[in-house]
Amino acid sequence: MSCKMPTRIDQTEPAVQSIAKVHVLAHSVRAFVYSLFALVPVLGLPFAVSAFVCASRTKVAKSGWVNPAQRYVTAARAFSSIGLIVSVAFVLFFPEVQRFFTDANCGGGGG
């Protein structure tokens, strides 16, 4: 009996296709959740970037399979774009926030 592992995984195997589909669905939902956090002004900037990255990982190869969570991906792209625009506008147009990030004495402590 041989214990050799296959050197190459056949992409046509049903188990591999199922795992790939699960990964696509997981990235779709993760992108949507990150995009909801991206709507928080200023603090949502890293979540907006993460939502874009997760949404880009959901591209399905032309195998005839359609992502059932495509609406989540579309919403994630929209919400993260809105969050990014709101965060940038918030920093640019509210001087208190801008001062908080540029002031040398913010946070501080001790003395």
Protein backbone atom coordinates (compact mmCIF):
# COMPACT_ATOMS: atom_id res chain seq x y z
CA MET A 1 0.00 0.00 0.00
CA SER A 2 1.41 3.35 -1.03
CA CYS A 3 1.29 6.48 1.11
CA LYS A 4 2.30 8.85 -1.66
CA MET A 5 0.60 12.21 -1.74
CA PRO A 6 -0.41 13.43 -5.16
CA THR A 7 2.00 15.99 -6.53
CA ARG A 8 -0.77 17.90 -8.22
CA ILE A 9 -4.37 18.24 -7.16
CA ASP A 10 -6.83 17.78 -9.97
CA GLN A 11 -9.09 20.84 -10.06
CA THR A 12 -11.91 18.79 -11.53
CA GLU A 13 -12.37 16.74 -8.37
CA PRO A 14 -15.69 17.51 -6.67
CA ALA A 15 -14.07 17.91 -3.24
CA VAL A 16 -11.63 20.54 -4.51
CA GLN A 17 -14.40 22.41 -6.28
CA SER A 18 -16.51 22.37 -3.11
CA ILE A 19 -13.67 23.74 -1.01
CA ALA A 20 -13.05 26.49 -3.56
CA LYS A 21 -16.74 27.41 -3.47
CA VAL A 22 -16.70 27.58 0.32
CA HIS A 23 -13.68 29.90 0.21
CA VAL A 24 -15.42 32.18 -2.29
CA LEU A 25 -18.54 32.33 -0.12
CA ALA A 26 -16.49 32.99 3.03
CA HIS A 27 -14.58 35.83 1.38
CA SER A 28 -17.85 37.31 0.11
CA VAL A 29 -19.41 37.44 3.57
CA ARG A 30 -16.15 38.61 5.17
CA ALA A 31 -15.91 41.46 2.68
CA PHE A 32 -19.46 42.51 3.50
CA VAL A 33 -18.82 42.51 7.27
CA TYR A 34 -15.59 44.48 6.85
CA SER A 35 -17.41 47.00 4.68
CA LEU A 36 -19.96 47.61 7.44
CA PHE A 37 -17.11 48.51 9.80
CA ALA A 38 -15.67 50.70 7.03
CA LEU A 39 -18.65 53.02 7.42
CA VAL A 40 -17.28 54.25 10.76
CA PRO A 41 -15.52 57.54 9.98
CA VAL A 42 -11.72 57.50 10.24
CA LEU A 43 -11.55 54.26 12.25
CA GLY A 44 -12.99 52.35 9.31
CA LEU A 45 -10.12 53.04 6.92
CA PRO A 46 -8.32 49.71 7.50
CA PHE A 47 -11.63 47.88 7.19
CA ALA A 48 -12.30 49.58 3.86
CA VAL A 49 -8.99 48.33 2.52
CA SER A 50 -9.66 44.84 3.90
CA ALA A 51 -13.10 44.82 2.29
CA PHE A 52 -11.58 45.69 -1.09
CA VAL A 53 -9.01 42.89 -0.74
CA CYS A 54 -11.61 40.31 0.27
CA ALA A 55 -13.92 41.40 -2.53
CA SER A 56 -11.13 41.00 -5.06
CA ARG A 57 -10.54 37.43 -3.87
CA THR A 58 -14.08 36.43 -4.76
CA LYS A 59 -13.51 36.36 -8.49
CA VAL A 60 -14.82 33.09 -9.79
CA ALA A 61 -13.09 31.39 -12.66
CA LYS A 62 -15.14 30.87 -15.77
CA SER A 63 -16.30 27.45 -14.70
CA GLY A 64 -19.98 28.05 -15.12
CA TRP A 65 -20.49 28.52 -11.38
CA VAL A 66 -22.11 31.73 -10.17
CA ASN A 67 -21.32 33.12 -6.73
CA PRO A 68 -24.62 33.11 -4.82
CA ALA A 69 -23.18 35.78 -2.49
CA GLN A 70 -22.37 38.18 -5.32
CA ARG A 71 -24.79 40.73 -3.85
CA TYR A 72 -22.68 40.79 -0.69
CA VAL A 73 -19.59 41.51 -2.80
CA THR A 74 -21.36 44.32 -4.65
CA ALA A 75 -22.61 45.82 -1.38
CA ALA A 76 -19.13 45.45 0.15
CA ARG A 77 -17.55 47.39 -2.69
CA ALA A 78 -20.19 50.11 -2.40
CA PHE A 79 -20.05 50.40 1.41
CA SER A 80 -16.27 50.39 1.55
CA SER A 81 -16.11 53.09 -1.13
CA ILE A 82 -18.60 55.21 0.79
CA GLY A 83 -16.70 54.61 4.03
CA LEU A 84 -13.44 55.62 2.42
CA ILE A 85 -14.93 58.83 1.01
CA VAL A 86 -16.62 59.71 4.32
CA SER A 87 -13.42 59.09 6.28
CA VAL A 88 -11.31 61.25 4.00
CA ALA A 89 -13.93 64.01 4.01
CA PHE A 90 -14.21 63.77 7.78
CA VAL A 91 -10.47 64.29 8.22
CA LEU A 92 -10.27 67.09 5.65
CA PHE A 93 -13.31 69.13 6.67
CA PHE A 94 -13.36 68.79 10.44
CA PRO A 95 -10.35 70.64 11.88
CA GLU A 96 -10.67 68.99 15.30
CA VAL A 97 -10.07 65.56 13.81
CA GLN A 98 -7.23 66.85 11.68
CA ARG A 99 -5.64 68.51 14.71
CA PHE A 100 -5.93 65.29 16.68
CA PHE A 101 -3.89 63.41 14.09
CA THR A 102 -1.31 66.15 13.50
CA ASP A 103 -0.87 67.53 17.04
CA ALA A 104 2.42 66.51 18.63
CA ASN A 105 0.92 66.56 22.12
CA CYS A 106 -2.04 64.28 21.53
CA GLY A 107 -2.27 61.30 23.80
CA GLY A 108 0.82 62.05 25.80
CA GLY A 109 0.75 61.54 29.44
CA GLY A 110 3.38 61.96 31.90
CA GLY A 111 5.65 64.84 32.48
